[in-house]
N, C-alpha and C. Protein backbone atom coordinates (compact mmCIF):
# COMPACT_ATOMS: atom_id res chain seq x y z
N UNK A 1 0.84 -1.18 0.00
CA UNK A 1 0.00 0.00 0.00
C UNK A 1 0.89 1.24 0.00
N UNK A 2 0.49 2.19 -0.74
CA UNK A 2 1.23 3.45 -0.88
C UNK A 2 1.13 4.26 0.41
N UNK A 3 2.23 4.87 0.81
CA UNK A 3 2.25 5.70 2.01
C UNK A 3 1.44 6.95 1.79
N UNK A 4 0.69 7.34 2.81
CA UNK A 4 -0.13 8.53 2.73
C UNK A 4 0.31 9.56 3.77
N UNK A 5 1.47 9.37 4.34
CA UNK A 5 1.98 10.29 5.35
C UNK A 5 2.14 11.66 4.72
N UNK A 6 1.66 12.66 5.41
CA UNK A 6 1.78 14.02 4.94
C UNK A 6 0.61 14.49 4.09
N UNK A 7 -0.19 13.58 3.62
CA UNK A 7 -1.38 13.96 2.85
C UNK A 7 -2.52 14.25 3.81
N UNK A 8 -3.20 15.36 3.62
CA UNK A 8 -4.36 15.64 4.46
C UNK A 8 -5.65 15.66 3.67
N UNK A 9 -5.57 15.90 2.38
CA UNK A 9 -6.78 15.89 1.56
C UNK A 9 -7.27 14.46 1.40
N UNK A 10 -8.56 14.33 1.23
CA UNK A 10 -9.12 13.01 0.94
C UNK A 10 -9.81 13.11 -0.42
N UNK A 11 -9.37 12.29 -1.33
CA UNK A 11 -9.92 12.34 -2.69
C UNK A 11 -11.30 11.69 -2.71
N UNK A 12 -12.00 11.95 -3.78
CA UNK A 12 -13.32 11.33 -3.98
C UNK A 12 -13.17 9.80 -3.99
N UNK A 13 -12.13 9.34 -4.64
CA UNK A 13 -11.86 7.90 -4.72
C UNK A 13 -11.59 7.33 -3.32
N UNK A 14 -10.76 8.02 -2.52
CA UNK A 14 -10.48 7.58 -1.16
C UNK A 14 -11.75 7.54 -0.32
N UNK A 15 -12.58 8.58 -0.46
CA UNK A 15 -13.82 8.65 0.32
C UNK A 15 -14.73 7.48 -0.05
N UNK A 16 -14.93 7.26 -1.33
CA UNK A 16 -15.82 6.19 -1.77
C UNK A 16 -15.33 4.82 -1.31
N UNK A 17 -14.03 4.59 -1.46
CA UNK A 17 -13.45 3.31 -1.03
C UNK A 17 -13.61 3.13 0.47
N UNK A 18 -13.31 4.19 1.23
CA UNK A 18 -13.42 4.13 2.69
C UNK A 18 -14.87 3.91 3.11
N UNK A 19 -15.81 4.58 2.44
CA UNK A 19 -17.21 4.43 2.82
C UNK A 19 -17.69 3.00 2.62
N UNK A 20 -17.27 2.37 1.54
CA UNK A 20 -17.65 0.98 1.30
C UNK A 20 -17.12 0.06 2.40
N UNK A 21 -15.87 0.30 2.80
CA UNK A 21 -15.28 -0.49 3.88
C UNK A 21 -16.00 -0.25 5.21
N UNK A 22 -16.35 0.99 5.49
CA UNK A 22 -17.06 1.33 6.72
C UNK A 22 -18.44 0.68 6.73
N UNK A 23 -19.15 0.75 5.61
CA UNK A 23 -20.48 0.14 5.53
C UNK A 23 -20.41 -1.36 5.81
N UNK A 24 -19.41 -2.02 5.24
CA UNK A 24 -19.22 -3.45 5.48
C UNK A 24 -18.89 -3.71 6.95
N UNK A 25 -18.00 -2.90 7.51
CA UNK A 25 -17.61 -3.05 8.91
C UNK A 25 -18.82 -2.89 9.83
N UNK A 26 -19.67 -1.91 9.55
CA UNK A 26 -20.81 -1.62 10.43
C UNK A 26 -21.92 -2.66 10.31
N UNK A 27 -21.83 -3.57 9.37
CA UNK A 27 -22.78 -4.68 9.32
C UNK A 27 -22.51 -5.67 10.45
N UNK A 28 -21.26 -5.70 10.93
CA UNK A 28 -20.86 -6.64 11.97
C UNK A 28 -20.60 -5.97 13.32
N UNK A 29 -20.34 -4.68 13.32
CA UNK A 29 -19.99 -3.97 14.56
C UNK A 29 -20.99 -2.83 14.77
N UNK A 30 -21.24 -2.46 16.03
CA UNK A 30 -22.22 -1.39 16.29
C UNK A 30 -21.72 0.01 15.94
N UNK A 31 -20.40 0.20 15.93
CA UNK A 31 -19.85 1.53 15.66
C UNK A 31 -18.42 1.41 15.16
N UNK A 32 -17.90 2.54 14.71
CA UNK A 32 -16.51 2.58 14.23
C UNK A 32 -15.84 3.83 14.79
N UNK A 33 -14.57 3.69 15.13
CA UNK A 33 -13.77 4.80 15.64
C UNK A 33 -12.69 5.17 14.62
N UNK A 34 -12.09 6.32 14.83
CA UNK A 34 -11.05 6.83 13.94
C UNK A 34 -9.94 5.80 13.74
N UNK A 35 -9.44 5.22 14.79
CA UNK A 35 -8.33 4.27 14.68
C UNK A 35 -8.68 3.08 13.80
N UNK A 36 -9.88 2.56 13.96
CA UNK A 36 -10.31 1.41 13.15
C UNK A 36 -10.40 1.81 11.68
N UNK A 37 -10.96 2.98 11.41
CA UNK A 37 -11.03 3.46 10.03
C UNK A 37 -9.64 3.53 9.42
N UNK A 38 -8.67 4.05 10.16
CA UNK A 38 -7.31 4.16 9.64
C UNK A 38 -6.70 2.80 9.38
N UNK A 39 -6.96 1.84 10.26
CA UNK A 39 -6.45 0.48 10.05
C UNK A 39 -7.07 -0.18 8.83
N UNK A 40 -8.35 0.04 8.61
CA UNK A 40 -9.05 -0.56 7.48
C UNK A 40 -8.65 0.05 6.14
N UNK A 41 -8.36 1.34 6.14
CA UNK A 41 -8.23 2.06 4.88
C UNK A 41 -6.84 2.56 4.54
N UNK A 42 -5.98 2.72 5.53
CA UNK A 42 -4.67 3.32 5.28
C UNK A 42 -4.70 4.83 5.28
N UNK A 43 -5.87 5.42 5.57
CA UNK A 43 -5.94 6.89 5.69
C UNK A 43 -5.15 7.33 6.91
N UNK A 44 -4.65 8.56 6.89
CA UNK A 44 -4.00 9.07 8.09
C UNK A 44 -5.04 9.73 8.99
N UNK A 45 -4.60 10.22 10.15
CA UNK A 45 -5.52 10.79 11.14
C UNK A 45 -6.33 11.94 10.55
N UNK A 46 -5.68 12.88 9.91
CA UNK A 46 -6.38 14.04 9.36
C UNK A 46 -7.38 13.64 8.27
N UNK A 47 -7.00 12.70 7.45
CA UNK A 47 -7.91 12.22 6.40
C UNK A 47 -9.13 11.54 7.03
N UNK A 48 -8.90 10.78 8.10
CA UNK A 48 -10.01 10.11 8.77
C UNK A 48 -10.98 11.13 9.36
N UNK A 49 -10.45 12.19 9.96
CA UNK A 49 -11.30 13.26 10.49
C UNK A 49 -12.14 13.86 9.37
N UNK A 50 -11.52 14.12 8.24
CA UNK A 50 -12.24 14.70 7.10
C UNK A 50 -13.28 13.72 6.55
N UNK A 51 -12.93 12.43 6.52
CA UNK A 51 -13.89 11.43 6.07
C UNK A 51 -15.13 11.45 6.96
N UNK A 52 -14.92 11.39 8.27
CA UNK A 52 -16.06 11.36 9.19
C UNK A 52 -16.88 12.64 9.12
N UNK A 53 -16.23 13.78 9.02
CA UNK A 53 -16.96 15.06 8.92
C UNK A 53 -17.85 15.05 7.68
N UNK A 54 -17.30 14.59 6.58
CA UNK A 54 -18.08 14.55 5.34
C UNK A 54 -19.24 13.56 5.45
N UNK A 55 -18.99 12.40 6.01
CA UNK A 55 -20.04 11.38 6.15
C UNK A 55 -21.15 11.87 7.08
N UNK A 56 -20.80 12.60 8.13
CA UNK A 56 -21.81 13.14 9.05
C UNK A 56 -22.61 14.24 8.34
N UNK A 57 -21.93 15.13 7.61
CA UNK A 57 -22.64 16.19 6.86
C UNK A 57 -23.63 15.58 5.86
N UNK A 58 -23.24 14.48 5.26
CA UNK A 58 -24.09 13.80 4.27
C UNK A 58 -25.17 12.93 4.94
N UNK A 59 -25.13 12.90 6.26
CA UNK A 59 -26.06 12.08 7.06
C UNK A 59 -25.94 10.60 6.76
N UNK A 60 -24.73 10.20 6.35
CA UNK A 60 -24.43 8.79 6.08
C UNK A 60 -23.98 8.09 7.37
N UNK A 61 -23.47 8.87 8.33
CA UNK A 61 -23.08 8.36 9.64
C UNK A 61 -23.53 9.37 10.70
N UNK A 62 -23.75 8.88 11.90
CA UNK A 62 -24.06 9.74 13.05
C UNK A 62 -22.92 9.69 14.04
N UNK A 63 -22.54 10.84 14.55
CA UNK A 63 -21.45 10.95 15.52
C UNK A 63 -22.00 10.77 16.92
N UNK A 64 -21.27 9.99 17.72
CA UNK A 64 -21.64 9.77 19.11
C UNK A 64 -20.40 10.00 19.97
N UNK A 65 -20.57 10.54 21.15
CA UNK A 65 -19.46 10.72 22.08
C UNK A 65 -18.62 11.95 21.78
N UNK A 66 -17.57 12.10 22.59
CA UNK A 66 -16.65 13.23 22.46
C UNK A 66 -15.23 12.76 22.74
N UNK A 67 -14.28 13.53 22.23
CA UNK A 67 -12.86 13.24 22.50
C UNK A 67 -12.49 11.83 22.09
N UNK A 68 -11.74 11.16 22.96
CA UNK A 68 -11.29 9.80 22.62
C UNK A 68 -12.45 8.79 22.59
N UNK A 69 -13.59 9.18 23.11
CA UNK A 69 -14.76 8.30 23.08
C UNK A 69 -15.63 8.46 21.84
N UNK A 70 -15.21 9.33 20.93
CA UNK A 70 -16.01 9.56 19.73
C UNK A 70 -16.06 8.30 18.87
N UNK A 71 -17.25 7.96 18.44
CA UNK A 71 -17.45 6.85 17.53
C UNK A 71 -18.61 7.20 16.60
N UNK A 72 -18.75 6.45 15.56
CA UNK A 72 -19.73 6.76 14.51
C UNK A 72 -20.58 5.52 14.26
N UNK A 73 -21.87 5.77 14.07
CA UNK A 73 -22.83 4.69 13.85
C UNK A 73 -23.61 4.94 12.57
N UNK A 74 -24.15 3.88 12.02
CA UNK A 74 -25.03 4.02 10.86
C UNK A 74 -26.31 4.68 11.33
N UNK A 75 -26.92 5.53 10.51
CA UNK A 75 -28.18 6.15 10.90
C UNK A 75 -29.27 5.09 11.05
N UNK A 76 -30.20 5.37 11.95
CA UNK A 76 -31.32 4.44 12.14
C UNK A 76 -32.18 4.46 10.89
N UNK A 77 -32.62 3.31 10.51
CA UNK A 77 -33.50 3.20 9.33
C UNK A 77 -34.93 3.38 9.79
N UNK A 78 -35.67 4.13 9.01
CA UNK A 78 -37.08 4.36 9.37
C UNK A 78 -38.01 3.71 8.37
């Protein structure tokens, strides 16, 4: 895997790939944290923050908790 150290932007391709991995992960787990996203995708910390911010703005994920307890869940289906 190509190193992403020093990159802070997240490309459309990175976002789409990461979102697919997150969706698959959340089928088996109740939530996902920044560290797990980085392990699954190879994104760095800043890219993971940007990924989650974008997913929350799009209402694709819901943010729960604060600080080191922050985690993200799939929105409830109605």
